[in-house]
Structure formats: structure tokens, C-alpha cells
Amino acid sequence: MRAVVQRVVTACVTSEGEESGRIGAGLCVLLGVEAGDTEADARYMANKLVKLRIFEDEHEKMNRSVIDVGGAILCVSQFTLLGDARGQNRPGFTAAERPEEANRLYGLTCGLIREAGVPVETGVFRTHMQVSLVNDGPVTILLDSRKTF
């Protein structure tokens, strides 16, 4: 799984003109499921997202997680994170997981985050969405469940 994680003041997502998710302070996560990802990747990503220390403490050091600050996560599925444009100008998406399995693992990841005690809002899988956010910092982190070392 790949994720673009942004620390936000606020974020929302709309699908086909309807708002489907909105959070205040927390993380906006764009999540792509790669072909071959498993439930272990979902567990890794959920655990990393709830424990990632990118919020400032009293000494202005990034030392607090979304759990520590009582924040929420807006998680939006985004298969384009698996796009490959190395050999061409039009990206190919063969590295993205099939939609049915991608949706299952995306849902599992969101469920595991909720089980950890973090509120989660989502987009609508396989629809055209618009994401609006105010990035705080700005802080943006890239995560990949296959690059754990």
C-alpha cells in the first residue's frame, strides 16, 4: 500500500457533488492499494497512520500522533498513487490492485484505524472525488507498506 499523508487543520471530500467526509485537525490520507497487497499491508498501514508522530509537542518537536492530539483521519482511496510514468508521459496503472480487492483492503484499513480509537471519514470508492484541505506546516509524508526497512 502507498499513502500520501498530510497533517491538516481541516479536510473534506465530495463525491459526485455530495460531501462524504469531513474532519477538523488530523490527517488527510490518500491511500493506494497495490496488486498483491494483503491484510498484513492493511494492518501495517493502519498501525503506522495512528502512531505516526507528526504533530508538535510543547517543545515544537514532531513527537505526537493523531491519537495523542485527539485528531481524526480522512482516508480517500486513490489508485493513481500506483501510476507509473517512467517510460511514457501517460501513466499506466497495472500496479494497482483489482477494484474489488482494493476496496476490501481499503475498508479493512479504515476499520482498523477506527478500532484503534481514531475517528475516520472516507470518500466513496470508485467515484470521481474532490478533496479540499488546509495542510498544516505544511507536513506531507509518503508511506509504503513494502518499504518497511
C-alpha atoms as a PDB file:
ATOM      1  CA  MET A   1       0.000   0.000   0.000  1.00  0.00           C
ATOM      2  CA  ARG A   2       1.091   3.513  -0.664  1.00  0.00           C
ATOM      3  CA  ALA A   3      -0.113   6.577   1.178  1.00  0.00           C
ATOM      4  CA  VAL A   4       0.335  10.301   0.961  1.00  0.00           C
ATOM      5  CA  VAL A   5      -0.232  11.593   4.491  1.00  0.00           C
ATOM      6  CA  GLN A   6      -0.831  15.262   5.164  1.00  0.00           C
ATOM      7  CA  ARG A   7      -1.195  16.896   8.558  1.00  0.00           C
ATOM      8  CA  VAL A   8      -4.248  19.113   8.228  1.00  0.00           C
ATOM      9  CA  VAL A   9      -6.215  21.778  10.032  1.00  0.00           C
ATOM     10  CA  THR A  10      -9.307  20.656   8.133  1.00  0.00           C
ATOM     11  CA  ALA A  11     -10.135  18.414   5.169  1.00  0.00           C
ATOM     12  CA  CYS A  12     -13.198  17.262   3.285  1.00  0.00           C
ATOM     13  CA  VAL A  13     -14.082  15.086   0.317  1.00  0.00           C
ATOM     14  CA  THR A  14     -17.043  15.280  -2.018  1.00  0.00           C
ATOM     15  CA  SER A  15     -18.218  12.619  -4.429  1.00  0.00           C
ATOM     16  CA  GLU A  16     -20.496  13.461  -7.316  1.00  0.00           C
ATOM     17  CA  GLY A  17     -21.425  16.758  -5.667  1.00  0.00           C
ATOM     18  CA  GLU A  18     -22.194  15.305  -2.232  1.00  0.00           C
ATOM     19  CA  GLU A  19     -19.906  15.665   0.774  1.00  0.00           C
ATOM     20  CA  SER A  20     -18.985  12.208   2.036  1.00  0.00           C
ATOM     21  CA  GLY A  21     -16.398  13.056   4.679  1.00  0.00           C
ATOM     22  CA  ARG A  22     -15.094  15.989   6.707  1.00  0.00           C
ATOM     23  CA  ILE A  23     -12.614  16.295   9.563  1.00  0.00           C
ATOM     24  CA  GLY A  24     -11.057  19.042  11.620  1.00  0.00           C
ATOM     25  CA  ALA A  25      -7.460  18.673  12.789  1.00  0.00           C
ATOM     26  CA  GLY A  26      -5.840  15.394  11.902  1.00  0.00           C
ATOM     27  CA  LEU A  27      -4.555  13.559   8.839  1.00  0.00           C
ATOM     28  CA  CYS A  28      -5.701  13.533   5.251  1.00  0.00           C
ATOM     29  CA  VAL A  29      -4.610  10.189   3.775  1.00  0.00           C
ATOM     30  CA  LEU A  30      -4.658   9.340   0.082  1.00  0.00           C
ATOM     31  CA  LEU A  31      -4.393   5.535   0.022  1.00  0.00           C
ATOM     32  CA  GLY A  32      -3.477   3.364  -2.938  1.00  0.00           C
ATOM     33  CA  VAL A  33      -3.718  -0.434  -2.842  1.00  0.00           C
ATOM     34  CA  GLU A  34      -1.067  -2.233  -4.873  1.00  0.00           C
ATOM     35  CA  ALA A  35      -1.584  -5.552  -6.665  1.00  0.00           C
ATOM     36  CA  GLY A  36      -0.583  -8.293  -4.266  1.00  0.00           C
ATOM     37  CA  ASP A  37      -1.229  -6.315  -1.088  1.00  0.00           C
ATOM     38  CA  THR A  38      -2.630  -8.380   1.770  1.00  0.00           C
ATOM     39  CA  GLU A  39      -4.289  -7.902   5.119  1.00  0.00           C
ATOM     40  CA  ALA A  40      -0.774  -7.584   6.573  1.00  0.00           C
ATOM     41  CA  ASP A  41      -0.272  -4.453   4.458  1.00  0.00           C
ATOM     42  CA  ALA A  42      -3.568  -3.049   5.745  1.00  0.00           C
ATOM     43  CA  ARG A  43      -2.534  -3.752   9.352  1.00  0.00           C
ATOM     44  CA  TYR A  44       0.878  -2.177   8.793  1.00  0.00           C
ATOM     45  CA  MET A  45      -0.632   0.949   7.237  1.00  0.00           C
ATOM     46  CA  ALA A  46      -3.355   1.376   9.860  1.00  0.00           C
ATOM     47  CA  ASN A  47      -0.831   0.964  12.685  1.00  0.00           C
ATOM     48  CA  LYS A  48       1.609   3.394  11.082  1.00  0.00           C
ATOM     49  CA  LEU A  49      -1.087   6.013  10.477  1.00  0.00           C
ATOM     50  CA  VAL A  50      -2.398   6.032  14.046  1.00  0.00           C
ATOM     51  CA  LYS A  51       1.101   6.085  15.570  1.00  0.00           C
ATOM     52  CA  LEU A  52       2.930   8.378  13.122  1.00  0.00           C
ATOM     53  CA  ARG A  53       4.363  11.212  15.233  1.00  0.00           C
ATOM     54  CA  ILE A  54       3.996  14.282  13.032  1.00  0.00           C
ATOM     55  CA  PHE A  55       2.133  16.597  15.409  1.00  0.00           C
ATOM     56  CA  GLU A  56       4.124  19.047  17.515  1.00  0.00           C
ATOM     57  CA  ASP A  57       4.560  18.736  21.260  1.00  0.00           C
ATOM     58  CA  GLU A  58       5.045  21.588  23.734  1.00  0.00           C
ATOM     59  CA  HIS A  59       8.656  21.951  22.519  1.00  0.00           C
ATOM     60  CA  GLU A  60       7.602  22.305  18.858  1.00  0.00           C
ATOM     61  CA  LYS A  61       9.031  18.870  18.024  1.00  0.00           C
ATOM     62  CA  MET A  62       7.044  16.445  15.879  1.00  0.00           C
ATOM     63  CA  ASN A  63       6.505  13.995  18.705  1.00  0.00           C
ATOM     64  CA  ARG A  64       2.744  13.362  18.881  1.00  0.00           C
ATOM     65  CA  SER A  65       0.455  11.069  16.922  1.00  0.00           C
ATOM     66  CA  VAL A  66      -3.101  11.619  15.727  1.00  0.00           C
ATOM     67  CA  ILE A  67      -4.214   9.592  18.776  1.00  0.00           C
ATOM     68  CA  ASP A  68      -2.182  11.830  21.117  1.00  0.00           C
ATOM     69  CA  VAL A  69      -3.793  15.022  19.786  1.00  0.00           C
ATOM     70  CA  GLY A  70      -7.336  13.629  19.578  1.00  0.00           C
ATOM     71  CA  GLY A  71      -7.446  14.111  15.804  1.00  0.00           C
ATOM     72  CA  ALA A  72      -9.283  12.303  13.029  1.00  0.00           C
ATOM     73  CA  ILE A  73      -8.343  10.799   9.681  1.00  0.00           C
ATOM     74  CA  LEU A  74      -9.901  11.492   6.305  1.00  0.00           C
ATOM     75  CA  CYS A  75      -8.959   8.460   4.188  1.00  0.00           C
ATOM     76  CA  VAL A  76      -9.536   8.630   0.441  1.00  0.00           C
ATOM     77  CA  SER A  77      -8.851   5.740  -1.921  1.00  0.00           C
ATOM     78  CA  GLN A  78      -6.548   6.747  -4.768  1.00  0.00           C
ATOM     79  CA  PHE A  79      -5.389   4.121  -7.255  1.00  0.00           C
ATOM     80  CA  THR A  80      -3.392   6.765  -9.150  1.00  0.00           C
ATOM     81  CA  LEU A  81      -0.704   6.532  -6.454  1.00  0.00           C
ATOM     82  CA  LEU A  82       0.308   3.327  -8.245  1.00  0.00           C
ATOM     83  CA  GLY A  83       0.684   5.116 -11.572  1.00  0.00           C
ATOM     84  CA  ASP A  84       3.920   4.526 -13.486  1.00  0.00           C
ATOM     85  CA  ALA A  85       5.021   7.230 -15.925  1.00  0.00           C
ATOM     86  CA  ARG A  86       8.703   6.319 -16.122  1.00  0.00           C
ATOM     87  CA  GLY A  87       8.734   5.212 -19.755  1.00  0.00           C
ATOM     88  CA  GLN A  88       5.968   7.390 -21.098  1.00  0.00           C
ATOM     89  CA  ASN A  89       4.010  10.557 -20.489  1.00  0.00           C
ATOM     90  CA  ARG A  90       0.716   8.772 -19.924  1.00  0.00           C
ATOM     91  CA  PRO A  91       0.888   6.779 -16.680  1.00  0.00           C
ATOM     92  CA  GLY A  92      -0.012   3.120 -16.589  1.00  0.00           C
ATOM     93  CA  PHE A  93      -1.875   1.668 -13.645  1.00  0.00           C
ATOM     94  CA  THR A  94      -1.131  -2.050 -13.911  1.00  0.00           C
ATOM     95  CA  ALA A  95       0.429  -1.993 -10.432  1.00  0.00           C
ATOM     96  CA  ALA A  96      -2.933  -1.080  -8.858  1.00  0.00           C
ATOM     97  CA  GLU A  97      -4.971  -3.866  -7.279  1.00  0.00           C
ATOM     98  CA  ARG A  98      -8.234  -5.027  -8.876  1.00  0.00           C
ATOM     99  CA  PRO A  99     -11.124  -2.814  -7.650  1.00  0.00           C
ATOM    100  CA  GLU A 100     -12.936  -5.474  -5.590  1.00  0.00           C
ATOM    101  CA  GLU A 101      -9.828  -6.440  -3.610  1.00  0.00           C
ATOM    102  CA  ALA A 102      -8.631  -2.841  -3.368  1.00  0.00           C
ATOM    103  CA  ASN A 103     -11.973  -1.797  -1.885  1.00  0.00           C
ATOM    104  CA  ARG A 104     -11.834  -4.654   0.630  1.00  0.00           C
ATOM    105  CA  LEU A 105      -8.323  -3.745   1.808  1.00  0.00           C
ATOM    106  CA  TYR A 106      -9.138  -0.018   1.839  1.00  0.00           C
ATOM    107  CA  GLY A 107     -12.177  -0.760   4.024  1.00  0.00           C
ATOM    108  CA  LEU A 108     -10.133  -3.027   6.272  1.00  0.00           C
ATOM    109  CA  THR A 109      -7.521  -0.303   6.768  1.00  0.00           C
ATOM    110  CA  CYS A 110     -10.199   2.237   7.718  1.00  0.00           C
ATOM    111  CA  GLY A 111     -11.821  -0.273  10.073  1.00  0.00           C
ATOM    112  CA  LEU A 112      -8.522  -0.998  11.817  1.00  0.00           C
ATOM    113  CA  ILE A 113      -7.934   2.730  12.307  1.00  0.00           C
ATOM    114  CA  ARG A 114     -11.382   3.040  13.882  1.00  0.00           C
ATOM    115  CA  GLU A 115     -10.668   0.056  16.141  1.00  0.00           C
ATOM    116  CA  ALA A 116      -7.566   1.923  17.358  1.00  0.00           C
ATOM    117  CA  GLY A 117      -9.858   4.721  18.536  1.00  0.00           C
ATOM    118  CA  VAL A 118      -9.342   7.273  15.764  1.00  0.00           C
ATOM    119  CA  PRO A 119     -12.423   8.693  14.003  1.00  0.00           C
ATOM    120  CA  VAL A 120     -12.297   8.033  10.247  1.00  0.00           C
ATOM    121  CA  GLU A 121     -14.170   9.745   7.443  1.00  0.00           C
ATOM    122  CA  THR A 122     -13.936   8.430   3.887  1.00  0.00           C
ATOM    123  CA  GLY A 123     -14.530   9.145   0.260  1.00  0.00           C
ATOM    124  CA  VAL A 124     -16.700   6.963  -1.968  1.00  0.00           C
ATOM    125  CA  PHE A 125     -14.748   4.176  -3.637  1.00  0.00           C
ATOM    126  CA  ARG A 126     -14.598   4.243  -7.475  1.00  0.00           C
ATOM    127  CA  THR A 127     -16.214   7.651  -7.872  1.00  0.00           C
ATOM    128  CA  HIS A 128     -14.854  10.964  -9.073  1.00  0.00           C
ATOM    129  CA  MET A 129     -13.997  12.923  -5.921  1.00  0.00           C
ATOM    130  CA  GLN A 130     -12.751  16.354  -4.951  1.00  0.00           C
ATOM    131  CA  VAL A 131     -10.557  16.670  -1.864  1.00  0.00           C
ATOM    132  CA  SER A 132     -10.124  20.017  -0.139  1.00  0.00           C
ATOM    133  CA  LEU A 133      -7.728  20.552   2.719  1.00  0.00           C
ATOM    134  CA  VAL A 134      -5.635  23.018   4.642  1.00  0.00           C
ATOM    135  CA  ASN A 135      -2.206  21.430   5.086  1.00  0.00           C
ATOM    136  CA  ASP A 136      -0.710  22.323   8.472  1.00  0.00           C
ATOM    137  CA  GLY A 137       3.011  23.070   8.342  1.00  0.00           C
ATOM    138  CA  PRO A 138       2.982  22.025   5.548  1.00  0.00           C
ATOM    139  CA  VAL A 139       3.706  18.453   6.601  1.00  0.00           C
ATOM    140  CA  THR A 140       3.451  15.703   3.975  1.00  0.00           C
ATOM    141  CA  ILE A 141       4.805  12.165   4.442  1.00  0.00           C
ATOM    142  CA  LEU A 142       4.955   9.279   1.971  1.00  0.00           C
ATOM    143  CA  LEU A 143       4.390   5.748   3.297  1.00  0.00           C
ATOM    144  CA  ASP A 144       4.769   2.411   1.517  1.00  0.00           C
ATOM    145  CA  SER A 145       3.979  -0.856   3.265  1.00  0.00           C
ATOM    146  CA  ARG A 146       6.549  -2.641   1.095  1.00  0.00           C
ATOM    147  CA  LYS A 147       9.366  -0.322   2.154  1.00  0.00           C
ATOM    148  CA  THR A 148       9.416  -1.026   5.857  1.00  0.00           C
ATOM    149  CA  PHE A 149      13.197  -1.070   6.313  1.00  0.00           C
END
